[in-house]
N, C-alpha and C. Protein backbone atom coordinates (compact mmCIF):
# COMPACT_ATOMS: atom_id res chain seq x y z
N MET A 1 67.58 46.32 115.61
CA MET A 1 66.27 46.52 115.04
C MET A 1 65.28 45.69 115.84
N LYS A 2 64.10 46.24 116.06
CA LYS A 2 63.07 45.53 116.83
C LYS A 2 62.64 44.26 116.11
N SER A 3 62.25 43.28 116.91
CA SER A 3 61.91 41.97 116.35
C SER A 3 60.74 42.04 115.38
N ASP A 4 59.77 42.93 115.62
CA ASP A 4 58.65 43.03 114.68
C ASP A 4 59.10 43.58 113.33
N LEU A 5 60.07 44.50 113.34
CA LEU A 5 60.61 45.02 112.08
C LEU A 5 61.45 43.96 111.37
N VAL A 6 62.21 43.22 112.14
CA VAL A 6 63.01 42.13 111.56
C VAL A 6 62.09 41.14 110.86
N ALA A 7 61.01 40.77 111.54
CA ALA A 7 60.05 39.82 110.97
C ALA A 7 59.42 40.38 109.70
N GLU A 8 59.10 41.68 109.69
CA GLU A 8 58.47 42.29 108.52
C GLU A 8 59.44 42.34 107.34
N VAL A 9 60.68 42.71 107.59
CA VAL A 9 61.68 42.74 106.51
C VAL A 9 61.86 41.34 105.93
N GLU A 10 61.95 40.35 106.79
CA GLU A 10 62.10 38.97 106.32
C GLU A 10 60.87 38.52 105.55
N ARG A 11 59.69 38.90 106.02
CA ARG A 11 58.45 38.54 105.33
C ARG A 11 58.42 39.14 103.92
N LEU A 12 58.99 40.33 103.78
CA LEU A 12 59.03 41.02 102.49
C LEU A 12 60.15 40.50 101.58
N GLY A 13 60.98 39.59 102.12
CA GLY A 13 62.07 39.04 101.33
C GLY A 13 63.34 39.86 101.40
N GLY A 14 63.40 40.76 102.39
CA GLY A 14 64.58 41.60 102.56
C GLY A 14 65.58 41.00 103.52
N ASN A 15 66.71 41.66 103.62
CA ASN A 15 67.79 41.21 104.49
C ASN A 15 68.03 42.31 105.53
N VAL A 16 67.80 42.01 106.80
CA VAL A 16 67.95 43.02 107.86
C VAL A 16 69.40 43.47 108.01
N ALA A 17 70.35 42.72 107.48
CA ALA A 17 71.76 43.12 107.55
C ALA A 17 72.11 44.15 106.47
N ASP A 18 71.23 44.32 105.50
CA ASP A 18 71.45 45.28 104.41
C ASP A 18 71.36 46.70 104.97
N ASP A 19 72.38 47.50 104.71
CA ASP A 19 72.40 48.86 105.25
C ASP A 19 71.29 49.74 104.66
N VAL A 20 70.79 49.41 103.48
CA VAL A 20 69.69 50.20 102.92
C VAL A 20 68.40 49.95 103.69
N TRP A 21 68.14 48.71 104.06
CA TRP A 21 66.97 48.42 104.89
C TRP A 21 67.08 49.15 106.22
N ARG A 22 68.26 49.11 106.83
CA ARG A 22 68.44 49.80 108.12
C ARG A 22 68.22 51.30 107.95
N TRP A 23 68.74 51.88 106.86
CA TRP A 23 68.55 53.30 106.61
C TRP A 23 67.06 53.61 106.43
N LEU A 24 66.38 52.80 105.64
CA LEU A 24 64.96 53.04 105.38
C LEU A 24 64.14 53.00 106.67
N LEU A 25 64.43 52.05 107.54
CA LEU A 25 63.60 51.82 108.71
C LEU A 25 64.02 52.56 109.97
N ARG A 26 65.27 53.01 110.02
CA ARG A 26 65.74 53.60 111.27
C ARG A 26 66.32 55.00 111.14
N ASN A 27 66.80 55.37 109.97
CA ASN A 27 67.50 56.64 109.82
C ASN A 27 66.82 57.48 108.76
N GLY A 28 67.43 58.60 108.50
CA GLY A 28 66.97 59.43 107.40
C GLY A 28 65.89 60.40 107.81
N PRO A 29 65.69 61.39 106.96
CA PRO A 29 64.67 62.40 107.25
C PRO A 29 63.29 61.96 106.74
N HIS A 30 62.96 60.70 106.97
CA HIS A 30 61.65 60.19 106.59
C HIS A 30 61.08 59.44 107.78
N GLY A 31 59.78 59.26 107.79
CA GLY A 31 59.12 58.60 108.91
C GLY A 31 57.90 59.38 109.35
N SER A 32 57.52 59.22 110.59
CA SER A 32 56.27 59.82 111.08
C SER A 32 56.29 61.35 111.11
N ASP A 33 57.46 61.96 111.22
CA ASP A 33 57.54 63.43 111.26
C ASP A 33 57.86 64.04 109.89
N PHE A 34 57.80 63.27 108.85
CA PHE A 34 58.14 63.72 107.51
C PHE A 34 57.19 64.83 107.04
N THR A 35 57.72 65.79 106.29
CA THR A 35 56.89 66.88 105.77
C THR A 35 57.02 66.97 104.25
N TRP A 36 55.90 67.25 103.61
CA TRP A 36 55.86 67.42 102.16
C TRP A 36 55.94 68.89 101.77
N SER A 37 55.77 69.76 102.74
CA SER A 37 55.83 71.20 102.49
C SER A 37 56.30 71.88 103.77
N GLN A 38 56.42 73.19 103.71
CA GLN A 38 56.82 73.92 104.91
C GLN A 38 55.73 73.80 105.97
N THR A 39 56.16 73.70 107.22
CA THR A 39 55.21 73.67 108.33
C THR A 39 55.68 74.62 109.42
N ARG A 40 54.78 74.99 110.29
CA ARG A 40 55.15 75.88 111.40
C ARG A 40 56.10 75.21 112.38
N GLY A 41 56.04 73.90 112.46
CA GLY A 41 56.86 73.17 113.42
C GLY A 41 58.32 73.00 113.03
N ASN A 42 58.67 73.40 111.83
CA ASN A 42 60.05 73.26 111.35
C ASN A 42 60.66 74.63 111.09
N PRO A 43 61.98 74.69 111.02
CA PRO A 43 62.63 75.99 110.73
C PRO A 43 62.15 76.56 109.40
N PRO A 44 62.14 77.87 109.25
CA PRO A 44 61.73 78.48 107.98
C PRO A 44 62.55 77.92 106.82
N GLY A 45 61.86 77.58 105.76
CA GLY A 45 62.53 77.06 104.57
C GLY A 45 62.76 75.56 104.56
N TYR A 46 62.52 74.88 105.70
CA TYR A 46 62.76 73.45 105.76
C TYR A 46 61.56 72.68 105.20
N VAL A 47 61.84 71.79 104.25
CA VAL A 47 60.82 70.90 103.70
C VAL A 47 61.43 69.50 103.71
N GLY A 48 60.79 68.58 104.38
CA GLY A 48 61.33 67.23 104.55
C GLY A 48 61.66 66.52 103.26
N VAL A 49 60.79 66.62 102.26
CA VAL A 49 61.04 65.92 101.00
C VAL A 49 62.28 66.48 100.30
N GLU A 50 62.53 67.78 100.42
CA GLU A 50 63.74 68.36 99.83
C GLU A 50 64.99 67.90 100.59
N HIS A 51 64.88 67.81 101.90
CA HIS A 51 65.98 67.31 102.72
C HIS A 51 66.28 65.85 102.35
N LEU A 52 65.24 65.06 102.21
CA LEU A 52 65.40 63.66 101.82
C LEU A 52 66.09 63.55 100.46
N GLN A 53 65.71 64.40 99.54
CA GLN A 53 66.33 64.38 98.22
C GLN A 53 67.83 64.68 98.31
N ARG A 54 68.21 65.64 99.17
CA ARG A 54 69.63 65.95 99.36
C ARG A 54 70.38 64.77 99.98
N ILE A 55 69.78 64.12 100.96
CA ILE A 55 70.40 62.97 101.62
C ILE A 55 70.63 61.84 100.62
N VAL A 56 69.63 61.56 99.81
CA VAL A 56 69.76 60.50 98.80
C VAL A 56 70.86 60.85 97.80
N ALA A 57 70.93 62.11 97.39
CA ALA A 57 71.99 62.53 96.46
C ALA A 57 73.37 62.36 97.10
N GLU A 58 73.49 62.72 98.37
CA GLU A 58 74.77 62.55 99.08
C GLU A 58 75.14 61.08 99.17
N LYS A 59 74.18 60.23 99.48
CA LYS A 59 74.45 58.79 99.58
C LYS A 59 74.86 58.23 98.20
N ALA A 60 74.25 58.74 97.15
CA ALA A 60 74.59 58.29 95.80
C ALA A 60 75.99 58.73 95.39
N GLU A 61 76.43 59.89 95.88
CA GLU A 61 77.80 60.34 95.60
C GLU A 61 78.82 59.42 96.26
N ILE A 62 78.51 58.97 97.46
CA ILE A 62 79.41 58.09 98.20
C ILE A 62 79.37 56.67 97.63
N ASP A 63 78.17 56.22 97.26
CA ASP A 63 77.97 54.86 96.78
C ASP A 63 77.05 54.91 95.57
N ALA A 64 77.61 54.78 94.38
CA ALA A 64 76.83 54.90 93.14
C ALA A 64 75.72 53.85 93.04
N SER A 65 75.84 52.75 93.78
CA SER A 65 74.82 51.70 93.73
C SER A 65 73.63 52.00 94.65
N PHE A 66 73.76 53.02 95.48
CA PHE A 66 72.70 53.30 96.46
C PHE A 66 71.32 53.49 95.83
N PRO A 67 71.17 54.33 94.81
CA PRO A 67 69.81 54.52 94.26
C PRO A 67 69.16 53.22 93.75
N VAL A 68 69.94 52.38 93.10
CA VAL A 68 69.40 51.11 92.58
C VAL A 68 69.02 50.20 93.74
N ARG A 69 69.90 50.09 94.72
CA ARG A 69 69.63 49.25 95.89
C ARG A 69 68.44 49.79 96.67
N ALA A 70 68.36 51.10 96.82
CA ALA A 70 67.24 51.71 97.56
C ALA A 70 65.92 51.49 96.82
N SER A 71 65.95 51.59 95.51
CA SER A 71 64.73 51.34 94.73
C SER A 71 64.22 49.92 94.93
N ALA A 72 65.14 48.96 94.93
CA ALA A 72 64.74 47.57 95.15
C ALA A 72 64.13 47.37 96.53
N VAL A 73 64.71 48.01 97.53
CA VAL A 73 64.19 47.91 98.90
C VAL A 73 62.82 48.58 98.97
N VAL A 74 62.69 49.75 98.37
CA VAL A 74 61.42 50.48 98.40
C VAL A 74 60.32 49.67 97.72
N ARG A 75 60.60 49.05 96.57
CA ARG A 75 59.59 48.24 95.89
C ARG A 75 59.07 47.13 96.80
N ARG A 76 59.97 46.49 97.54
CA ARG A 76 59.53 45.45 98.47
C ARG A 76 58.73 46.06 99.62
N ALA A 77 59.23 47.15 100.16
CA ALA A 77 58.59 47.78 101.32
C ALA A 77 57.21 48.36 100.99
N LEU A 78 56.97 48.68 99.73
CA LEU A 78 55.67 49.22 99.34
C LEU A 78 54.55 48.18 99.42
N SER A 79 54.91 46.93 99.64
CA SER A 79 53.88 45.90 99.83
C SER A 79 53.74 45.51 101.30
N SER A 80 54.34 46.29 102.18
CA SER A 80 54.29 46.00 103.61
C SER A 80 52.89 46.23 104.18
N THR A 81 52.57 45.49 105.22
CA THR A 81 51.32 45.71 105.96
C THR A 81 51.57 46.56 107.20
N ASP A 82 52.84 46.83 107.49
CA ASP A 82 53.20 47.68 108.62
C ASP A 82 53.12 49.14 108.17
N VAL A 83 52.27 49.92 108.80
CA VAL A 83 52.02 51.30 108.39
C VAL A 83 53.30 52.13 108.40
N ASN A 84 54.14 51.97 109.40
CA ASN A 84 55.37 52.76 109.47
C ASN A 84 56.34 52.41 108.36
N VAL A 85 56.48 51.14 108.06
CA VAL A 85 57.34 50.71 106.96
C VAL A 85 56.78 51.23 105.64
N LEU A 86 55.49 51.10 105.48
CA LEU A 86 54.83 51.53 104.25
C LEU A 86 54.98 53.04 104.04
N ARG A 87 54.75 53.83 105.08
CA ARG A 87 54.89 55.28 104.94
C ARG A 87 56.31 55.68 104.58
N ARG A 88 57.30 55.07 105.21
CA ARG A 88 58.69 55.37 104.90
C ARG A 88 59.00 55.03 103.43
N ALA A 89 58.51 53.89 102.98
CA ALA A 89 58.73 53.49 101.59
C ALA A 89 58.07 54.47 100.62
N ILE A 90 56.88 54.90 100.92
CA ILE A 90 56.16 55.86 100.08
C ILE A 90 56.94 57.17 100.01
N GLN A 91 57.43 57.62 101.14
CA GLN A 91 58.17 58.88 101.19
C GLN A 91 59.47 58.80 100.37
N VAL A 92 60.21 57.73 100.53
CA VAL A 92 61.46 57.57 99.80
C VAL A 92 61.19 57.35 98.31
N ALA A 93 60.11 56.68 97.98
CA ALA A 93 59.75 56.48 96.57
C ALA A 93 59.60 57.81 95.84
N ALA A 94 59.16 58.82 96.54
CA ALA A 94 58.97 60.14 95.91
C ALA A 94 60.27 60.69 95.33
N VAL A 95 61.39 60.37 95.96
CA VAL A 95 62.66 60.96 95.50
C VAL A 95 63.55 59.99 94.72
N ILE A 96 63.29 58.70 94.79
CA ILE A 96 64.11 57.75 94.03
C ILE A 96 63.32 56.93 93.04
N GLY A 97 62.01 57.03 93.11
CA GLY A 97 61.16 56.16 92.31
C GLY A 97 61.15 56.47 90.83
N ALA A 98 60.64 55.51 90.08
CA ALA A 98 60.43 55.62 88.64
C ALA A 98 58.98 55.22 88.38
N GLU A 99 58.65 54.96 87.13
CA GLU A 99 57.27 54.60 86.77
C GLU A 99 56.76 53.39 87.58
N ARG A 100 57.64 52.44 87.78
CA ARG A 100 57.26 51.22 88.51
C ARG A 100 56.80 51.54 89.93
N GLU A 101 57.55 52.39 90.62
CA GLU A 101 57.18 52.79 91.97
C GLU A 101 55.94 53.67 91.96
N LEU A 102 55.79 54.50 90.92
CA LEU A 102 54.61 55.35 90.82
C LEU A 102 53.34 54.51 90.77
N VAL A 103 53.38 53.42 90.04
CA VAL A 103 52.22 52.52 89.97
C VAL A 103 51.90 51.98 91.36
N GLN A 104 52.92 51.54 92.07
CA GLN A 104 52.71 51.00 93.42
C GLN A 104 52.17 52.07 94.37
N VAL A 105 52.75 53.26 94.32
CA VAL A 105 52.33 54.34 95.21
C VAL A 105 50.90 54.76 94.89
N THR A 106 50.58 54.88 93.61
CA THR A 106 49.24 55.30 93.20
C THR A 106 48.18 54.32 93.70
N ALA A 107 48.51 53.07 93.76
CA ALA A 107 47.56 52.06 94.26
C ALA A 107 47.26 52.27 95.74
N LEU A 108 48.10 53.02 96.44
CA LEU A 108 47.93 53.22 97.88
C LEU A 108 47.15 54.49 98.24
N VAL A 109 46.73 55.27 97.25
CA VAL A 109 46.04 56.52 97.56
C VAL A 109 44.68 56.30 98.21
N THR A 110 44.16 55.10 98.12
CA THR A 110 42.88 54.78 98.76
C THR A 110 43.07 53.84 99.94
N HIS A 111 44.26 53.79 100.47
CA HIS A 111 44.57 52.92 101.61
C HIS A 111 43.65 53.23 102.78
N GLU A 112 43.34 52.22 103.55
CA GLU A 112 42.43 52.38 104.70
C GLU A 112 43.00 53.28 105.80
N ASN A 113 44.32 53.36 105.89
CA ASN A 113 44.96 54.24 106.87
C ASN A 113 45.10 55.63 106.25
N ASP A 114 44.53 56.62 106.90
CA ASP A 114 44.53 57.99 106.36
C ASP A 114 45.94 58.53 106.15
N LEU A 115 46.87 58.22 107.03
CA LEU A 115 48.24 58.73 106.89
C LEU A 115 48.94 58.11 105.69
N VAL A 116 48.71 56.83 105.48
CA VAL A 116 49.28 56.15 104.31
C VAL A 116 48.70 56.74 103.04
N ALA A 117 47.38 56.92 103.01
CA ALA A 117 46.72 57.48 101.83
C ALA A 117 47.21 58.89 101.55
N MET A 118 47.37 59.71 102.60
CA MET A 118 47.86 61.07 102.42
C MET A 118 49.29 61.07 101.87
N ASP A 119 50.15 60.25 102.45
CA ASP A 119 51.53 60.16 101.96
C ASP A 119 51.54 59.68 100.51
N ALA A 120 50.69 58.72 100.19
CA ALA A 120 50.65 58.18 98.82
C ALA A 120 50.23 59.27 97.82
N ARG A 121 49.22 60.07 98.17
CA ARG A 121 48.79 61.15 97.28
C ARG A 121 49.92 62.16 97.07
N SER A 122 50.56 62.54 98.16
CA SER A 122 51.66 63.51 98.07
C SER A 122 52.84 62.95 97.29
N SER A 123 53.18 61.70 97.57
CA SER A 123 54.29 61.07 96.89
C SER A 123 54.01 60.93 95.40
N ALA A 124 52.82 60.52 95.04
CA ALA A 124 52.46 60.37 93.63
C ALA A 124 52.55 61.72 92.91
N PHE A 125 52.06 62.77 93.54
CA PHE A 125 52.15 64.11 92.96
C PHE A 125 53.61 64.50 92.74
N TYR A 126 54.42 64.34 93.78
CA TYR A 126 55.84 64.71 93.73
C TYR A 126 56.59 63.87 92.70
N LEU A 127 56.31 62.58 92.70
CA LEU A 127 56.99 61.67 91.78
C LEU A 127 56.62 61.95 90.33
N ARG A 128 55.33 62.19 90.05
CA ARG A 128 54.91 62.54 88.69
C ARG A 128 55.63 63.80 88.21
N LYS A 129 55.66 64.79 89.08
CA LYS A 129 56.33 66.06 88.74
C LYS A 129 57.82 65.82 88.45
N ARG A 130 58.46 65.03 89.30
CA ARG A 130 59.88 64.72 89.12
C ARG A 130 60.13 63.97 87.82
N LEU A 131 59.29 63.00 87.52
CA LEU A 131 59.46 62.20 86.30
C LEU A 131 59.21 63.04 85.05
N ARG A 132 58.24 63.94 85.10
CA ARG A 132 57.98 64.83 83.95
C ARG A 132 59.17 65.75 83.70
N SER A 133 59.73 66.31 84.76
CA SER A 133 60.86 67.23 84.58
C SER A 133 62.11 66.47 84.10
N ALA A 134 62.24 65.21 84.45
CA ALA A 134 63.39 64.40 83.98
C ALA A 134 63.28 64.09 82.50
N ARG A 135 62.07 64.04 81.97
CA ARG A 135 61.85 63.73 80.54
C ARG A 135 62.19 64.91 79.65
N LYS A 136 62.15 66.11 80.18
CA LYS A 136 62.38 67.32 79.37
C LYS A 136 63.81 67.48 78.97
């Protein structure tokens, strides 16, 4: 992991040796190319947020503690000043978050960085919808 990312994880109180931090920052179908809906640049039917949801479900099947551990990492990462870390956390919050993460994500809809604000709006919409359907 790059030294600036190591420093940011440590600043946030995380552990760079934790496989969830590594997954959040280096792997997964989240990051700068993430999609909230279908786009022309991706294969027909591909939506990044749906792919991310499948990946998280697969990880949870292998390791039942993954969702809880990922939520803890996301909560810390949502306070990052690094735009890339913040965007990844916002994206993952959409599929694993609860009310607590929704509050954090909603606070970012007016972020000074347009990409962060856009991701926050999309994530909040997706997360609200997911939480409503879980209550039914």
